[in-house]
Amino acid sequence: MALKHADDNTFDSMIANGLTLVDFWASWCGPCQMFGPIFESVSEIETDVNFVKFEIDETNRRIPAKFGIRSIPSVLAFKDGELREARTGLMDKETLMLWIKELKES
């Protein structure tokens, strides 16, 4: 499934159905730049999972504040709109794929 991009206005509709991972990131964040290609690569493998990127910037403050995002990259996992788990920091491909497997089984 292709990556989608959310903002404060589209976020709720993008996490409403199924398993969704949201990558909170910023263009100025070095670890975010390293994680971006990993997140995209896994999105091409795990086609039954929704992958959403949310750039934290001046116009998108409501959603990060709602979920207490203080460090990036942060990835939040939702099932049918309900927050299940959050992880902060750079993950490698194997770690991300294992986490997705765990989320699917829970």
Protein backbone atom coordinates (compact mmCIF):
# COMPACT_ATOMS: atom_id res chain seq x y z
CA MET A 1 0.00 0.00 0.00
CA ALA A 2 1.37 3.41 -0.87
CA LEU A 3 2.39 5.84 1.81
CA LYS A 4 -0.19 8.46 2.64
CA HIS A 5 0.45 11.89 4.07
CA ALA A 6 -1.74 13.29 6.84
CA ASP A 7 -2.17 16.64 8.51
CA ASP A 8 -4.29 17.94 11.38
CA ASN A 9 -7.37 17.95 9.13
CA THR A 10 -7.06 14.49 7.55
CA PHE A 11 -5.53 12.48 10.39
CA ASP A 12 -8.68 11.03 11.98
CA SER A 13 -10.06 9.68 8.72
CA MET A 14 -6.72 8.08 7.83
CA ILE A 15 -6.46 6.04 11.04
CA ALA A 16 -10.14 5.01 11.21
CA ASN A 17 -9.91 1.56 9.59
CA GLY A 18 -7.56 -1.37 10.05
CA LEU A 19 -4.01 -1.38 11.35
CA THR A 20 -2.34 1.97 10.72
CA LEU A 21 1.19 3.09 11.53
CA VAL A 22 1.80 6.83 11.66
CA ASP A 23 5.36 8.16 11.38
CA PHE A 24 5.67 11.58 13.03
CA TRP A 25 8.71 13.27 11.50
CA ALA A 26 10.27 16.56 10.40
CA SER A 27 12.42 17.47 7.41
CA TRP A 28 15.15 18.88 9.67
CA CYS A 29 15.45 15.67 11.75
CA GLY A 30 18.44 13.47 10.84
CA PRO A 31 17.09 10.22 12.36
CA CYS A 32 13.76 10.91 10.63
CA GLN A 33 15.56 11.13 7.29
CA MET A 34 17.21 7.77 8.00
CA PHE A 35 13.94 6.13 9.06
CA GLY A 36 11.85 7.43 6.13
CA PRO A 37 13.20 4.97 3.54
CA ILE A 38 12.82 2.07 6.01
CA PHE A 39 9.19 3.01 6.70
CA GLU A 40 8.51 3.28 2.95
CA SER A 41 10.23 -0.03 2.20
CA VAL A 42 8.16 -1.88 4.80
CA SER A 43 4.99 -0.24 3.45
CA GLU A 44 5.64 -2.01 0.15
CA ILE A 45 5.94 -5.39 1.91
CA GLU A 46 3.11 -5.10 4.46
CA THR A 47 0.38 -4.22 1.99
CA ASP A 48 -2.47 -4.95 4.42
CA VAL A 49 -1.27 -2.20 6.80
CA ASN A 50 -1.87 1.53 6.33
CA PHE A 51 1.32 3.62 6.46
CA VAL A 52 0.90 7.33 7.12
CA LYS A 53 3.50 10.08 7.37
CA PHE A 54 2.74 13.12 9.50
CA GLU A 55 5.17 16.02 9.18
CA ILE A 56 5.37 18.09 12.33
CA ASP A 57 5.50 21.74 11.35
CA GLU A 58 3.98 25.10 12.20
CA THR A 59 0.63 24.26 10.61
CA ASN A 60 0.28 20.77 12.11
CA ARG A 61 0.37 21.10 15.88
CA ARG A 62 -2.98 19.77 17.11
CA ILE A 63 -2.45 16.05 16.48
CA PRO A 64 1.14 15.86 17.83
CA ALA A 65 -0.02 17.72 20.96
CA LYS A 66 -3.00 15.40 21.36
CA PHE A 67 -0.71 12.36 21.44
CA GLY A 68 2.13 13.99 23.39
CA ILE A 69 4.71 13.73 20.63
CA ARG A 70 7.88 15.20 22.09
CA SER A 71 10.59 13.26 20.24
CA ILE A 72 10.84 12.26 16.61
CA PRO A 73 10.79 9.99 14.83
CA SER A 74 7.82 8.57 16.71
CA VAL A 75 5.59 5.86 15.28
CA LEU A 76 2.09 5.36 16.66
CA ALA A 77 0.13 2.20 15.93
CA PHE A 78 -3.66 2.40 15.66
CA LYS A 79 -6.25 -0.33 15.15
CA ASP A 80 -9.56 0.97 13.84
CA GLY A 81 -8.79 4.46 15.14
CA GLU A 82 -7.72 3.36 18.63
CA LEU A 83 -4.14 3.97 19.77
CA ARG A 84 -2.49 0.62 20.57
CA GLU A 85 1.18 1.42 21.03
CA ALA A 86 3.85 4.04 20.38
CA ARG A 87 7.56 3.76 19.75
CA THR A 88 10.08 6.56 19.62
CA GLY A 89 13.44 6.59 17.89
CA LEU A 90 15.05 5.07 14.85
CA MET A 91 14.05 1.48 14.09
CA ASP A 92 15.67 -0.84 11.59
CA LYS A 93 13.62 -2.78 9.05
CA GLU A 94 13.65 -6.03 11.03
CA THR A 95 12.48 -4.34 14.23
CA LEU A 96 9.66 -2.56 12.43
CA MET A 97 8.50 -5.75 10.73
CA LEU A 98 8.59 -7.71 14.00
CA TRP A 99 6.53 -5.00 15.70
CA ILE A 100 3.94 -5.14 12.91
CA LYS A 101 3.73 -8.93 13.31
CA GLU A 102 3.13 -8.48 17.06
CA LEU A 103 0.45 -5.86 16.40
CA LYS A 104 -1.34 -8.11 13.93
CA GLU A 105 -1.40 -10.96 16.46
CA SER A 106 -2.71 -8.84 19.34
